[in-house]
Amino acid sequence: MVHHPRFGVERAPLAALPGDSRSIERHRLEIDLFRPVGVEPGALRGLVNRLTREALGTFDVVGEDGARLLRITSRRARARIERWADPALFPAVVERVRGITPLQDPPDVEAYLGGWG
C-alpha cells in the first residue's frame, strides 16, 4: 500500500507483481504474455474494450504462425465459470490483432537498466 500525500489514504498501486503485498487483488483483468511482444498505441485498449463490450471470458492474441502471444482474461468470467463448472458461460476468442506483433530479437534493456539510455 502507498500513502497518498494529498488525500492521506492508503492506496494500492496501479499494478503490482503476483505476490507483491501492495496488490489488493481487485483488478478485473489479467494479461498473460507468452513471449515478448511489441504493442502499438491503442492496440491493447481496443482489446480490453472488446473483451468488456462483448462479455468475453478470454481473448488470445496469436501471431502469423498461430503461436499464442498473449491472453487477456476477465477475472469475473473465470470466477463464474469455475463456480458453475461451465466453460460455455463466456465466449473465448482467438485472433490475430493488428498492432500486436512478436518481437523478433530479445529486447535490449541494457542501457535502460544501466542508467545511460
PDB file of N, CA and C in Angstrom:
ATOM      1  N   MET A   1       0.831  -1.174   0.000  1.00  0.00           N
ATOM      2  CA  MET A   1       0.000   0.000   0.000  1.00  0.00           C
ATOM      3  C   MET A   1       0.883   1.247   0.000  1.00  0.00           C
ATOM      4  N   VAL A   2       0.395   2.287  -0.610  1.00  0.00           N
ATOM      5  CA  VAL A   2       1.141   3.531  -0.758  1.00  0.00           C
ATOM      6  C   VAL A   2       0.358   4.664  -0.109  1.00  0.00           C
ATOM      7  N   HIS A   3       1.040   5.492   0.667  1.00  0.00           N
ATOM      8  CA  HIS A   3       0.380   6.634   1.286  1.00  0.00           C
ATOM      9  C   HIS A   3       0.262   7.753   0.256  1.00  0.00           C
ATOM     10  N   HIS A   4      -0.961   8.227   0.032  1.00  0.00           N
ATOM     11  CA  HIS A   4      -1.187   9.306  -0.928  1.00  0.00           C
ATOM     12  C   HIS A   4      -1.019  10.633  -0.200  1.00  0.00           C
ATOM     13  N   PRO A   5      -0.071  11.484  -0.636  1.00  0.00           N
ATOM     14  CA  PRO A   5       0.236  12.706   0.100  1.00  0.00           C
ATOM     15  C   PRO A   5      -0.917  13.702   0.164  1.00  0.00           C
ATOM     16  N   ARG A   6      -1.726  13.771  -0.851  1.00  0.00           N
ATOM     17  CA  ARG A   6      -2.808  14.753  -0.864  1.00  0.00           C
ATOM     18  C   ARG A   6      -4.023  14.301  -0.061  1.00  0.00           C
ATOM     19  N   PHE A   7      -4.390  13.041  -0.208  1.00  0.00           N
ATOM     20  CA  PHE A   7      -5.605  12.562   0.429  1.00  0.00           C
ATOM     21  C   PHE A   7      -5.344  11.854   1.754  1.00  0.00           C
ATOM     22  N   GLY A   8      -4.091  11.514   2.021  1.00  0.00           N
ATOM     23  CA  GLY A   8      -3.742  10.870   3.279  1.00  0.00           C
ATOM     24  C   GLY A   8      -4.345   9.497   3.455  1.00  0.00           C
ATOM     25  N   VAL A   9      -4.632   8.811   2.352  1.00  0.00           N
ATOM     26  CA  VAL A   9      -5.218   7.476   2.450  1.00  0.00           C
ATOM     27  C   VAL A   9      -4.255   6.464   1.865  1.00  0.00           C
ATOM     28  N   GLU A  10      -4.431   5.259   2.271  1.00  0.00           N
ATOM     29  CA  GLU A  10      -3.628   4.182   1.725  1.00  0.00           C
ATOM     30  C   GLU A  10      -4.267   3.728   0.418  1.00  0.00           C
ATOM     31  N   ARG A  11      -3.453   3.653  -0.626  1.00  0.00           N
ATOM     32  CA  ARG A  11      -3.956   3.235  -1.928  1.00  0.00           C
ATOM     33  C   ARG A  11      -3.054   2.147  -2.483  1.00  0.00           C
ATOM     34  N   ALA A  12      -3.647   1.244  -3.209  1.00  0.00           N
ATOM     35  CA  ALA A  12      -2.872   0.202  -3.876  1.00  0.00           C
ATOM     36  C   ALA A  12      -2.250   0.775  -5.131  1.00  0.00           C
ATOM     37  N   PRO A  13      -1.119   0.239  -5.555  1.00  0.00           N
ATOM     38  CA  PRO A  13      -0.521   0.716  -6.804  1.00  0.00           C
ATOM     39  C   PRO A  13      -1.400   0.343  -7.988  1.00  0.00           C
ATOM     40  N   LEU A  14      -1.182   1.014  -9.105  1.00  0.00           N
ATOM     41  CA  LEU A  14      -1.953   0.694 -10.304  1.00  0.00           C
ATOM     42  C   LEU A  14      -1.643  -0.706 -10.804  1.00  0.00           C
ATOM     43  N   ALA A  15      -0.433  -1.167 -10.561  1.00  0.00           N
ATOM     44  CA  ALA A  15      -0.060  -2.519 -10.971  1.00  0.00           C
ATOM     45  C   ALA A  15       0.940  -3.062  -9.969  1.00  0.00           C
ATOM     46  N   ALA A  16       0.897  -4.338  -9.737  1.00  0.00           N
ATOM     47  CA  ALA A  16       1.846  -4.979  -8.838  1.00  0.00           C
ATOM     48  C   ALA A  16       2.080  -6.394  -9.337  1.00  0.00           C
ATOM     49  N   LEU A  17       3.232  -6.920  -9.049  1.00  0.00           N
ATOM     50  CA  LEU A  17       3.558  -8.276  -9.452  1.00  0.00           C
ATOM     51  C   LEU A  17       2.860  -9.275  -8.548  1.00  0.00           C
ATOM     52  N   PRO A  18       2.589 -10.500  -9.056  1.00  0.00           N
ATOM     53  CA  PRO A  18       1.980 -11.516  -8.198  1.00  0.00           C
ATOM     54  C   PRO A  18       2.823 -11.696  -6.937  1.00  0.00           C
ATOM     55  N   GLY A  19       2.159 -11.772  -5.818  1.00  0.00           N
ATOM     56  CA  GLY A  19       2.849 -11.931  -4.552  1.00  0.00           C
ATOM     57  C   GLY A  19       3.291 -10.626  -3.922  1.00  0.00           C
ATOM     58  N   ASP A  20       3.152  -9.515  -4.634  1.00  0.00           N
ATOM     59  CA  ASP A  20       3.524  -8.205  -4.100  1.00  0.00           C
ATOM     60  C   ASP A  20       2.484  -7.822  -3.053  1.00  0.00           C
ATOM     61  N   SER A  21       2.925  -7.532  -1.849  1.00  0.00           N
ATOM     62  CA  SER A  21       1.998  -7.243  -0.756  1.00  0.00           C
ATOM     63  C   SER A  21       1.185  -5.975  -0.984  1.00  0.00           C
ATOM     64  N   ARG A  22       1.593  -5.119  -1.945  1.00  0.00           N
ATOM     65  CA  ARG A  22       0.850  -3.892  -2.217  1.00  0.00           C
ATOM     66  C   ARG A  22      -0.374  -4.140  -3.087  1.00  0.00           C
ATOM     67  N   SER A  23      -0.467  -5.288  -3.727  1.00  0.00           N
ATOM     68  CA  SER A  23      -1.593  -5.594  -4.601  1.00  0.00           C
ATOM     69  C   SER A  23      -2.816  -5.931  -3.754  1.00  0.00           C
ATOM     70  N   ILE A  24      -3.973  -5.465  -4.157  1.00  0.00           N
ATOM     71  CA  ILE A  24      -5.183  -5.736  -3.381  1.00  0.00           C
ATOM     72  C   ILE A  24      -6.126  -6.702  -4.088  1.00  0.00           C
ATOM     73  N   GLU A  25      -5.681  -7.310  -5.162  1.00  0.00           N
ATOM     74  CA  GLU A  25      -6.473  -8.324  -5.861  1.00  0.00           C
ATOM     75  C   GLU A  25      -7.851  -7.826  -6.284  1.00  0.00           C
ATOM     76  N   ARG A  26      -7.956  -6.569  -6.645  1.00  0.00           N
ATOM     77  CA  ARG A  26      -9.233  -6.049  -7.122  1.00  0.00           C
ATOM     78  C   ARG A  26      -9.218  -5.777  -8.618  1.00  0.00           C
ATOM     79  N   HIS A  27      -8.171  -6.153  -9.284  1.00  0.00           N
ATOM     80  CA  HIS A  27      -8.128  -5.923 -10.720  1.00  0.00           C
ATOM     81  C   HIS A  27      -9.130  -6.841 -11.411  1.00  0.00           C
ATOM     82  N   ARG A  28      -9.672  -6.372 -12.508  1.00  0.00           N
ATOM     83  CA  ARG A  28     -10.718  -7.112 -13.202  1.00  0.00           C
ATOM     84  C   ARG A  28     -10.198  -7.973 -14.337  1.00  0.00           C
ATOM     85  N   LEU A  29      -8.999  -7.648 -14.822  1.00  0.00           N
ATOM     86  CA  LEU A  29      -8.440  -8.371 -15.950  1.00  0.00           C
ATOM     87  C   LEU A  29      -7.036  -8.853 -15.615  1.00  0.00           C
ATOM     88  N   GLU A  30      -6.662  -9.949 -16.224  1.00  0.00           N
ATOM     89  CA  GLU A  30      -5.287 -10.429 -16.142  1.00  0.00           C
ATOM     90  C   GLU A  30      -4.753 -10.521 -17.559  1.00  0.00           C
ATOM     91  N   ILE A  31      -3.505 -10.111 -17.738  1.00  0.00           N
ATOM     92  CA  ILE A  31      -2.858 -10.209 -19.041  1.00  0.00           C
ATOM     93  C   ILE A  31      -1.640 -11.101 -18.886  1.00  0.00           C
ATOM     94  N   ASP A  32      -1.633 -12.199 -19.609  1.00  0.00           N
ATOM     95  CA  ASP A  32      -0.505 -13.127 -19.606  1.00  0.00           C
ATOM     96  C   ASP A  32       0.248 -12.987 -20.912  1.00  0.00           C
ATOM     97  N   LEU A  33       1.549 -12.743 -20.824  1.00  0.00           N
ATOM     98  CA  LEU A  33       2.408 -12.670 -22.007  1.00  0.00           C
ATOM     99  C   LEU A  33       3.128 -13.995 -22.162  1.00  0.00           C
ATOM    100  N   PHE A  34       3.077 -14.557 -23.354  1.00  0.00           N
ATOM    101  CA  PHE A  34       3.711 -15.835 -23.609  1.00  0.00           C
ATOM    102  C   PHE A  34       5.053 -15.682 -24.313  1.00  0.00           C
ATOM    103  N   ARG A  35       5.318 -14.486 -24.814  1.00  0.00           N
ATOM    104  CA  ARG A  35       6.608 -14.148 -25.416  1.00  0.00           C
ATOM    105  C   ARG A  35       6.682 -12.633 -25.526  1.00  0.00           C
ATOM    106  N   PRO A  36       7.867 -12.070 -25.726  1.00  0.00           N
ATOM    107  CA  PRO A  36       7.963 -10.608 -25.867  1.00  0.00           C
ATOM    108  C   PRO A  36       7.186 -10.131 -27.098  1.00  0.00           C
ATOM    109  N   VAL A  37       6.406  -9.076 -26.892  1.00  0.00           N
ATOM    110  CA  VAL A  37       5.602  -8.527 -27.983  1.00  0.00           C
ATOM    111  C   VAL A  37       5.791  -7.017 -28.066  1.00  0.00           C
ATOM    112  N   GLY A  38       5.571  -6.497 -29.262  1.00  0.00           N
ATOM    113  CA  GLY A  38       5.502  -5.064 -29.480  1.00  0.00           C
ATOM    114  C   GLY A  38       4.033  -4.695 -29.595  1.00  0.00           C
ATOM    115  N   VAL A  39       3.637  -3.641 -28.901  1.00  0.00           N
ATOM    116  CA  VAL A  39       2.240  -3.222 -28.911  1.00  0.00           C
ATOM    117  C   VAL A  39       2.170  -1.766 -29.340  1.00  0.00           C
ATOM    118  N   GLU A  40       1.490  -1.513 -30.440  1.00  0.00           N
ATOM    119  CA  GLU A  40       1.312  -0.145 -30.921  1.00  0.00           C
ATOM    120  C   GLU A  40       0.298   0.583 -30.037  1.00  0.00           C
ATOM    121  N   PRO A  41       0.428   1.904 -29.931  1.00  0.00           N
ATOM    122  CA  PRO A  41      -0.505   2.669 -29.097  1.00  0.00           C
ATOM    123  C   PRO A  41      -1.958   2.392 -29.472  1.00  0.00           C
ATOM    124  N   GLY A  42      -2.765   2.129 -28.471  1.00  0.00           N
ATOM    125  CA  GLY A  42      -4.193   1.898 -28.665  1.00  0.00           C
ATOM    126  C   GLY A  42      -4.593   0.454 -28.902  1.00  0.00           C
ATOM    127  N   ALA A  43      -3.645  -0.403 -29.268  1.00  0.00           N
ATOM    128  CA  ALA A  43      -3.995  -1.791 -29.596  1.00  0.00           C
ATOM    129  C   ALA A  43      -4.517  -2.546 -28.377  1.00  0.00           C
ATOM    130  N   LEU A  44      -3.854  -2.392 -27.257  1.00  0.00           N
ATOM    131  CA  LEU A  44      -4.281  -3.093 -26.051  1.00  0.00           C
ATOM    132  C   LEU A  44      -5.607  -2.535 -25.535  1.00  0.00           C
ATOM    133  N   ARG A  45      -5.780  -1.233 -25.617  1.00  0.00           N
ATOM    134  CA  ARG A  45      -7.041  -0.622 -25.188  1.00  0.00           C
ATOM    135  C   ARG A  45      -8.202  -1.174 -26.009  1.00  0.00           C
ATOM    136  N   GLY A  46      -7.987  -1.330 -27.311  1.00  0.00           N
ATOM    137  CA  GLY A  46      -9.038  -1.894 -28.156  1.00  0.00           C
ATOM    138  C   GLY A  46      -9.421  -3.298 -27.734  1.00  0.00           C
ATOM    139  N   LEU A  47      -8.437  -4.106 -27.347  1.00  0.00           N
ATOM    140  CA  LEU A  47      -8.724  -5.468 -26.890  1.00  0.00           C
ATOM    141  C   LEU A  47      -9.518  -5.462 -25.593  1.00  0.00           C
ATOM    142  N   VAL A  48      -9.098  -4.630 -24.657  1.00  0.00           N
ATOM    143  CA  VAL A  48      -9.804  -4.550 -23.378  1.00  0.00           C
ATOM    144  C   VAL A  48     -11.239  -4.077 -23.589  1.00  0.00           C
ATOM    145  N   ASN A  49     -11.424  -3.085 -24.432  1.00  0.00           N
ATOM    146  CA  ASN A  49     -12.781  -2.607 -24.727  1.00  0.00           C
ATOM    147  C   ASN A  49     -13.634  -3.709 -25.344  1.00  0.00           C
ATOM    148  N   ARG A  50     -13.049  -4.448 -26.260  1.00  0.00           N
ATOM    149  CA  ARG A  50     -13.807  -5.527 -26.896  1.00  0.00           C
ATOM    150  C   ARG A  50     -14.146  -6.629 -25.895  1.00  0.00           C
ATOM    151  N   LEU A  51     -13.195  -6.975 -25.041  1.00  0.00           N
ATOM    152  CA  LEU A  51     -13.429  -8.011 -24.036  1.00  0.00           C
ATOM    153  C   LEU A  51     -14.616  -7.641 -23.148  1.00  0.00           C
ATOM    154  N   THR A  52     -14.673  -6.392 -22.710  1.00  0.00           N
ATOM    155  CA  THR A  52     -15.764  -5.978 -21.833  1.00  0.00           C
ATOM    156  C   THR A  52     -17.069  -5.763 -22.608  1.00  0.00           C
ATOM    157  N   ARG A  53     -16.986  -5.172 -23.777  1.00  0.00           N
ATOM    158  CA  ARG A  53     -18.190  -4.889 -24.581  1.00  0.00           C
ATOM    159  C   ARG A  53     -18.903  -6.180 -24.986  1.00  0.00           C
ATOM    160  N   GLU A  54     -18.128  -7.192 -25.374  1.00  0.00           N
ATOM    161  CA  GLU A  54     -18.710  -8.448 -25.848  1.00  0.00           C
ATOM    162  C   GLU A  54     -18.852  -9.489 -24.741  1.00  0.00           C
ATOM    163  N   ALA A  55     -18.515  -9.116 -23.491  1.00  0.00           N
ATOM    164  CA  ALA A  55     -18.608 -10.027 -22.337  1.00  0.00           C
ATOM    165  C   ALA A  55     -17.869 -11.340 -22.599  1.00  0.00           C
ATOM    166  N   LEU A  56     -16.621 -11.214 -23.058  1.00  0.00           N
ATOM    167  CA  LEU A  56     -15.806 -12.393 -23.328  1.00  0.00           C
ATOM    168  C   LEU A  56     -15.151 -12.901 -22.054  1.00  0.00           C
ATOM    169  N   GLY A  57     -14.835 -14.178 -22.040  1.00  0.00           N
ATOM    170  CA  GLY A  57     -14.091 -14.745 -20.921  1.00  0.00           C
ATOM    171  C   GLY A  57     -12.602 -14.552 -21.115  1.00  0.00           C
ATOM    172  N   THR A  58     -12.130 -14.873 -22.316  1.00  0.00           N
ATOM    173  CA  THR A  58     -10.717 -14.699 -22.651  1.00  0.00           C
ATOM    174  C   THR A  58     -10.577 -14.211 -24.080  1.00  0.00           C
ATOM    175  N   PHE A  59      -9.455 -13.558 -24.318  1.00  0.00           N
ATOM    176  CA  PHE A  59      -9.096 -13.127 -25.673  1.00  0.00           C
ATOM    177  C   PHE A  59      -7.632 -13.484 -25.855  1.00  0.00           C
ATOM    178  N   ASP A  60      -7.363 -14.464 -26.712  1.00  0.00           N
ATOM    179  CA  ASP A  60      -5.998 -14.866 -27.028  1.00  0.00           C
ATOM    180  C   ASP A  60      -5.567 -14.184 -28.317  1.00  0.00           C
ATOM    181  N   VAL A  61      -4.408 -13.549 -28.274  1.00  0.00           N
ATOM    182  CA  VAL A  61      -3.827 -12.929 -29.465  1.00  0.00           C
ATOM    183  C   VAL A  61      -2.751 -13.877 -29.980  1.00  0.00           C
ATOM    184  N   VAL A  62      -2.829 -14.208 -31.271  1.00  0.00           N
ATOM    185  CA  VAL A  62      -1.851 -15.103 -31.881  1.00  0.00           C
ATOM    186  C   VAL A  62      -1.094 -14.374 -32.985  1.00  0.00           C
ATOM    187  N   GLY A  63       0.089 -14.867 -33.270  1.00  0.00           N
ATOM    188  CA  GLY A  63       0.897 -14.314 -34.346  1.00  0.00           C
ATOM    189  C   GLY A  63       0.538 -14.928 -35.680  1.00  0.00           C
ATOM    190  N   GLU A  64       1.260 -14.522 -36.718  1.00  0.00           N
ATOM    191  CA  GLU A  64       1.016 -15.050 -38.068  1.00  0.00           C
ATOM    192  C   GLU A  64       1.135 -16.557 -38.132  1.00  0.00           C
ATOM    193  N   ASP A  65       2.036 -17.113 -37.318  1.00  0.00           N
ATOM    194  CA  ASP A  65       2.256 -18.556 -37.314  1.00  0.00           C
ATOM    195  C   ASP A  65       1.270 -19.308 -36.426  1.00  0.00           C
ATOM    196  N   GLY A  66       0.351 -18.592 -35.786  1.00  0.00           N
ATOM    197  CA  GLY A  66      -0.639 -19.214 -34.921  1.00  0.00           C
ATOM    198  C   GLY A  66      -0.183 -19.382 -33.482  1.00  0.00           C
ATOM    199  N   ALA A  67       1.066 -19.016 -33.199  1.00  0.00           N
ATOM    200  CA  ALA A  67       1.582 -19.138 -31.836  1.00  0.00           C
ATOM    201  C   ALA A  67       0.943 -18.081 -30.941  1.00  0.00           C
ATOM    202  N   ARG A  68       0.571 -18.478 -29.749  1.00  0.00           N
ATOM    203  CA  ARG A  68      -0.081 -17.568 -28.813  1.00  0.00           C
ATOM    204  C   ARG A  68       0.924 -16.534 -28.309  1.00  0.00           C
ATOM    205  N   LEU A  69       0.529 -15.249 -28.382  1.00  0.00           N
ATOM    206  CA  LEU A  69       1.380 -14.152 -27.926  1.00  0.00           C
ATOM    207  C   LEU A  69       0.975 -13.674 -26.541  1.00  0.00           C
ATOM    208  N   LEU A  70      -0.320 -13.459 -26.363  1.00  0.00           N
ATOM    209  CA  LEU A  70      -0.808 -13.004 -25.057  1.00  0.00           C
ATOM    210  C   LEU A  70      -2.251 -13.410 -24.884  1.00  0.00           C
ATOM    211  N   ARG A  71      -2.685 -13.394 -23.627  1.00  0.00           N
ATOM    212  CA  ARG A  71      -4.085 -13.701 -23.296  1.00  0.00           C
ATOM    213  C   ARG A  71      -4.582 -12.668 -22.292  1.00  0.00           C
ATOM    214  N   ILE A  72      -5.764 -12.133 -22.552  1.00  0.00           N
ATOM    215  CA  ILE A  72      -6.443 -11.274 -21.593  1.00  0.00           C
ATOM    216  C   ILE A  72      -7.615 -12.082 -21.037  1.00  0.00           C
ATOM    217  N   THR A  73      -7.694 -12.158 -19.721  1.00  0.00           N
ATOM    218  CA  THR A  73      -8.736 -12.936 -19.055  1.00  0.00           C
ATOM    219  C   THR A  73      -9.554 -12.042 -18.147  1.00  0.00           C
ATOM    220  N   SER A  74     -10.862 -12.169 -18.224  1.00  0.00           N
ATOM    221  CA  SER A  74     -11.757 -11.494 -17.294  1.00  0.00           C
ATOM    222  C   SER A  74     -11.807 -12.324 -16.015  1.00  0.00           C
ATOM    223  N   ARG A  75     -11.407 -11.731 -14.895  1.00  0.00           N
ATOM    224  CA  ARG A  75     -11.427 -12.464 -13.622  1.00  0.00           C
ATOM    225  C   ARG A  75     -12.863 -12.794 -13.213  1.00  0.00           C
ATOM    226  N   ARG A  76     -13.781 -11.897 -13.507  1.00  0.00           N
ATOM    227  CA  ARG A  76     -15.185 -12.142 -13.188  1.00  0.00           C
ATOM    228  C   ARG A  76     -15.704 -13.358 -13.949  1.00  0.00           C
ATOM    229  N   ALA A  77     -15.422 -13.400 -15.242  1.00  0.00           N
ATOM    230  CA  ALA A  77     -15.866 -14.532 -16.055  1.00  0.00           C
ATOM    231  C   ALA A  77     -15.237 -15.834 -15.558  1.00  0.00           C
ATOM    232  N   ARG A  78     -13.944 -15.794 -15.262  1.00  0.00           N
ATOM    233  CA  ARG A  78     -13.274 -17.010 -14.782  1.00  0.00           C
ATOM    234  C   ARG A  78     -13.903 -17.504 -13.480  1.00  0.00           C
ATOM    235  N   ALA A  79     -14.214 -16.586 -12.561  1.00  0.00           N
ATOM    236  CA  ALA A  79     -14.822 -16.977 -11.284  1.00  0.00           C
ATOM    237  C   ALA A  79     -16.190 -17.618 -11.504  1.00  0.00           C
ATOM    238  N   ARG A  80     -16.974 -17.050 -12.412  1.00  0.00           N
ATOM    239  CA  ARG A  80     -18.301 -17.620 -12.677  1.00  0.00           C
ATOM    240  C   ARG A  80     -18.201 -18.968 -13.383  1.00  0.00           C
ATOM    241  N   ILE A  81     -17.261 -19.095 -14.295  1.00  0.00           N
ATOM    242  CA  ILE A  81     -17.055 -20.384 -14.972  1.00  0.00           C
ATOM    243  C   ILE A  81     -16.667 -21.451 -13.959  1.00  0.00           C
ATOM    244  N   GLU A  82     -15.752 -21.092 -13.037  1.00  0.00           N
ATOM    245  CA  GLU A  82     -15.330 -22.050 -12.011  1.00  0.00           C
ATOM    246  C   GLU A  82     -16.486 -22.370 -11.054  1.00  0.00           C
ATOM    247  N   ARG A  83     -17.253 -21.354 -10.689  1.00  0.00           N
ATOM    248  CA  ARG A  83     -18.368 -21.546  -9.747  1.00  0.00           C
ATOM    249  C   ARG A  83     -19.416 -22.495 -10.300  1.00  0.00           C
ATOM    250  N   TRP A  84     -19.764 -22.318 -11.570  1.00  0.00           N
ATOM    251  CA  TRP A  84     -20.825 -23.117 -12.173  1.00  0.00           C
ATOM    252  C   TRP A  84     -20.292 -24.287 -13.002  1.00  0.00           C
ATOM    253  N   ALA A  85     -18.972 -24.436 -13.048  1.00  0.00           N
ATOM    254  CA  ALA A  85     -18.336 -25.534 -13.800  1.00  0.00           C
ATOM    255  C   ALA A  85     -18.869 -25.604 -15.232  1.00  0.00           C
ATOM    256  N   ASP A  86     -18.956 -24.430 -15.866  1.00  0.00           N
ATOM    257  CA  ASP A  86     -19.495 -24.362 -17.225  1.00  0.00           C
ATOM    258  C   ASP A  86     -18.660 -23.412 -18.076  1.00  0.00           C
ATOM    259  N   PRO A  87     -17.687 -23.930 -18.826  1.00  0.00           N
ATOM    260  CA  PRO A  87     -16.844 -23.066 -19.646  1.00  0.00           C
ATOM    261  C   PRO A  87     -17.590 -22.366 -20.778  1.00  0.00           C
ATOM    262  N   ALA A  88     -18.825 -22.770 -21.054  1.00  0.00           N
ATOM    263  CA  ALA A  88     -19.596 -22.144 -22.127  1.00  0.00           C
ATOM    264  C   ALA A  88     -20.285 -20.853 -21.686  1.00  0.00           C
ATOM    265  N   LEU A  89     -20.163 -20.460 -20.420  1.00  0.00           N
ATOM    266  CA  LEU A  89     -20.819 -19.242 -19.940  1.00  0.00           C
ATOM    267  C   LEU A  89     -20.313 -17.987 -20.637  1.00  0.00           C
ATOM    268  N   PHE A  90     -19.023 -17.958 -20.953  1.00  0.00           N
ATOM    269  CA  PHE A  90     -18.414 -16.790 -21.580  1.00  0.00           C
ATOM    270  C   PHE A  90     -17.603 -17.242 -22.781  1.00  0.00           C
ATOM    271  N   PRO A  91     -17.756 -16.583 -23.909  1.00  0.00           N
ATOM    272  CA  PRO A  91     -17.001 -16.974 -25.103  1.00  0.00           C
ATOM    273  C   PRO A  91     -15.498 -16.711 -24.949  1.00  0.00           C
ATOM    274  N   ALA A  92     -14.736 -17.509 -25.655  1.00  0.00           N
ATOM    275  CA  ALA A  92     -13.283 -17.319 -25.750  1.00  0.00           C
ATOM    276  C   ALA A  92     -12.962 -17.028 -27.209  1.00  0.00           C
ATOM    277  N   VAL A  93     -12.140 -16.012 -27.436  1.00  0.00           N
ATOM    278  CA  VAL A  93     -11.789 -15.604 -28.790  1.00  0.00           C
ATOM    279  C   VAL A  93     -10.288 -15.812 -28.985  1.00  0.00           C
ATOM    280  N   VAL A  94      -9.921 -16.294 -30.173  1.00  0.00           N
ATOM    281  CA  VAL A  94      -8.521 -16.434 -30.567  1.00  0.00           C
ATOM    282  C   VAL A  94      -8.383 -15.758 -31.921  1.00  0.00           C
ATOM    283  N   GLU A  95      -7.575 -14.673 -31.979  1.00  0.00           N
ATOM    284  CA  GLU A  95      -7.435 -13.913 -33.226  1.00  0.00           C
ATOM    285  C   GLU A  95      -6.063 -13.279 -33.336  1.00  0.00           C
ATOM    286  N   ARG A  96      -5.701 -12.957 -34.575  1.00  0.00           N
ATOM    287  CA  ARG A  96      -4.563 -12.059 -34.814  1.00  0.00           C
ATOM    288  C   ARG A  96      -5.091 -10.646 -34.631  1.00  0.00           C
ATOM    289  N   VAL A  97      -4.262  -9.783 -34.089  1.00  0.00           N
ATOM    290  CA  VAL A  97      -4.685  -8.404 -33.827  1.00  0.00           C
ATOM    291  C   VAL A  97      -3.659  -7.456 -34.422  1.00  0.00           C
ATOM    292  N   ARG A  98      -4.137  -6.519 -35.241  1.00  0.00           N
ATOM    293  CA  ARG A  98      -3.250  -5.508 -35.813  1.00  0.00           C
ATOM    294  C   ARG A  98      -2.671  -4.665 -34.673  1.00  0.00           C
ATOM    295  N   GLY A  99      -1.377  -4.439 -34.721  1.00  0.00           N
ATOM    296  CA  GLY A  99      -0.727  -3.608 -33.715  1.00  0.00           C
ATOM    297  C   GLY A  99      -0.079  -4.389 -32.589  1.00  0.00           C
ATOM    298  N   ILE A 100      -0.246  -5.712 -32.580  1.00  0.00           N
ATOM    299  CA  ILE A 100       0.428  -6.560 -31.589  1.00  0.00           C
ATOM    300  C   ILE A 100       1.207  -7.616 -32.351  1.00  0.00           C
ATOM    301  N   THR A 101       2.528  -7.529 -32.250  1.00  0.00           N
ATOM    302  CA  THR A 101       3.396  -8.422 -33.012  1.00  0.00           C
ATOM    303  C   THR A 101       4.497  -8.985 -32.122  1.00  0.00           C
ATOM    304  N   PRO A 102       4.958 -10.193 -32.429  1.00  0.00           N
ATOM    305  CA  PRO A 102       6.064 -10.747 -31.640  1.00  0.00           C
ATOM    306  C   PRO A 102       7.361  -9.999 -31.947  1.00  0.00           C
ATOM    307  N   LEU A 103       8.167  -9.806 -30.929  1.00  0.00           N
ATOM    308  CA  LEU A 103       9.489  -9.222 -31.143  1.00  0.00           C
ATOM    309  C   LEU A 103      10.398 -10.315 -31.677  1.00  0.00           C
ATOM    310  N   GLN A 104      11.137 -10.004 -32.720  1.00  0.00           N
ATOM    311  CA  GLN A 104      11.998 -11.000 -33.340  1.00  0.00           C
ATOM    312  C   GLN A 104      13.281 -11.231 -32.553  1.00  0.00           C
ATOM    313  N   ASP A 105      13.818 -10.173 -31.971  1.00  0.00           N
ATOM    314  CA  ASP A 105      15.030 -10.277 -31.173  1.00  0.00           C
ATOM    315  C   ASP A 105      14.686  -9.986 -29.723  1.00  0.00           C
ATOM    316  N   PRO A 106      15.457 -10.540 -28.800  1.00  0.00           N
ATOM    317  CA  PRO A 106      15.198 -10.213 -27.395  1.00  0.00           C
ATOM    318  C   PRO A 106      15.312  -8.714 -27.171  1.00  0.00           C
ATOM    319  N   PRO A 107      14.445  -8.155 -26.325  1.00  0.00           N
ATOM    320  CA  PRO A 107      14.520  -6.718 -26.068  1.00  0.00           C
ATOM    321  C   PRO A 107      15.855  -6.346 -25.421  1.00  0.00           C
ATOM    322  N   ASP A 108      16.437  -5.241 -25.858  1.00  0.00           N
ATOM    323  CA  ASP A 108      17.710  -4.770 -25.315  1.00  0.00           C
ATOM    324  C   ASP A 108      17.419  -3.693 -24.273  1.00  0.00           C
ATOM    325  N   VAL A 109      17.554  -4.050 -23.030  1.00  0.00           N
ATOM    326  CA  VAL A 109      17.274  -3.102 -21.949  1.00  0.00           C
ATOM    327  C   VAL A 109      18.545  -2.719 -21.191  1.00  0.00           C
ATOM    328  N   GLU A 110      19.702  -3.088 -21.741  1.00  0.00           N
ATOM    329  CA  GLU A 110      20.967  -2.829 -21.054  1.00  0.00           C
ATOM    330  C   GLU A 110      21.157  -1.345 -20.744  1.00  0.00           C
ATOM    331  N   ALA A 111      20.940  -0.474 -21.728  1.00  0.00           N
ATOM    332  CA  ALA A 111      21.138   0.957 -21.492  1.00  0.00           C
ATOM    333  C   ALA A 111      20.123   1.491 -20.483  1.00  0.00           C
ATOM    334  N   TYR A 112      18.903   1.020 -20.574  1.00  0.00           N
ATOM    335  CA  TYR A 112      17.861   1.473 -19.642  1.00  0.00           C
ATOM    336  C   TYR A 112      18.211   1.068 -18.209  1.00  0.00           C
ATOM    337  N   LEU A 113      18.542  -0.205 -18.037  1.00  0.00           N
ATOM    338  CA  LEU A 113      18.854  -0.700 -16.693  1.00  0.00           C
ATOM    339  C   LEU A 113      20.189  -0.141 -16.195  1.00  0.00           C
ATOM    340  N   GLY A 114      21.098   0.138 -17.106  1.00  0.00           N
ATOM    341  CA  GLY A 114      22.394   0.671 -16.714  1.00  0.00           C
ATOM    342  C   GLY A 114      22.360   2.153 -16.429  1.00  0.00           C
ATOM    343  N   GLY A 115      21.276   2.819 -16.774  1.00  0.00           N
ATOM    344  CA  GLY A 115      21.123   4.231 -16.468  1.00  0.00           C
ATOM    345  C   GLY A 115      21.728   5.177 -17.489  1.00  0.00           C
ATOM    346  N   TRP A 116      22.180   4.666 -18.631  1.00  0.00           N
ATOM    347  CA  TRP A 116      22.755   5.558 -19.625  1.00  0.00           C
ATOM    348  C   TRP A 116      21.910   5.659 -20.873  1.00  0.00           C
ATOM    349  N   GLY A 117      20.671   5.143 -20.853  1.00  0.00           N
ATOM    350  CA  GLY A 117      19.804   5.160 -22.025  1.00  0.00           C
ATOM    351  C   GLY A 117      18.785   6.242 -22.017  1.00  0.00           C
TER     352      GLY A 117
END
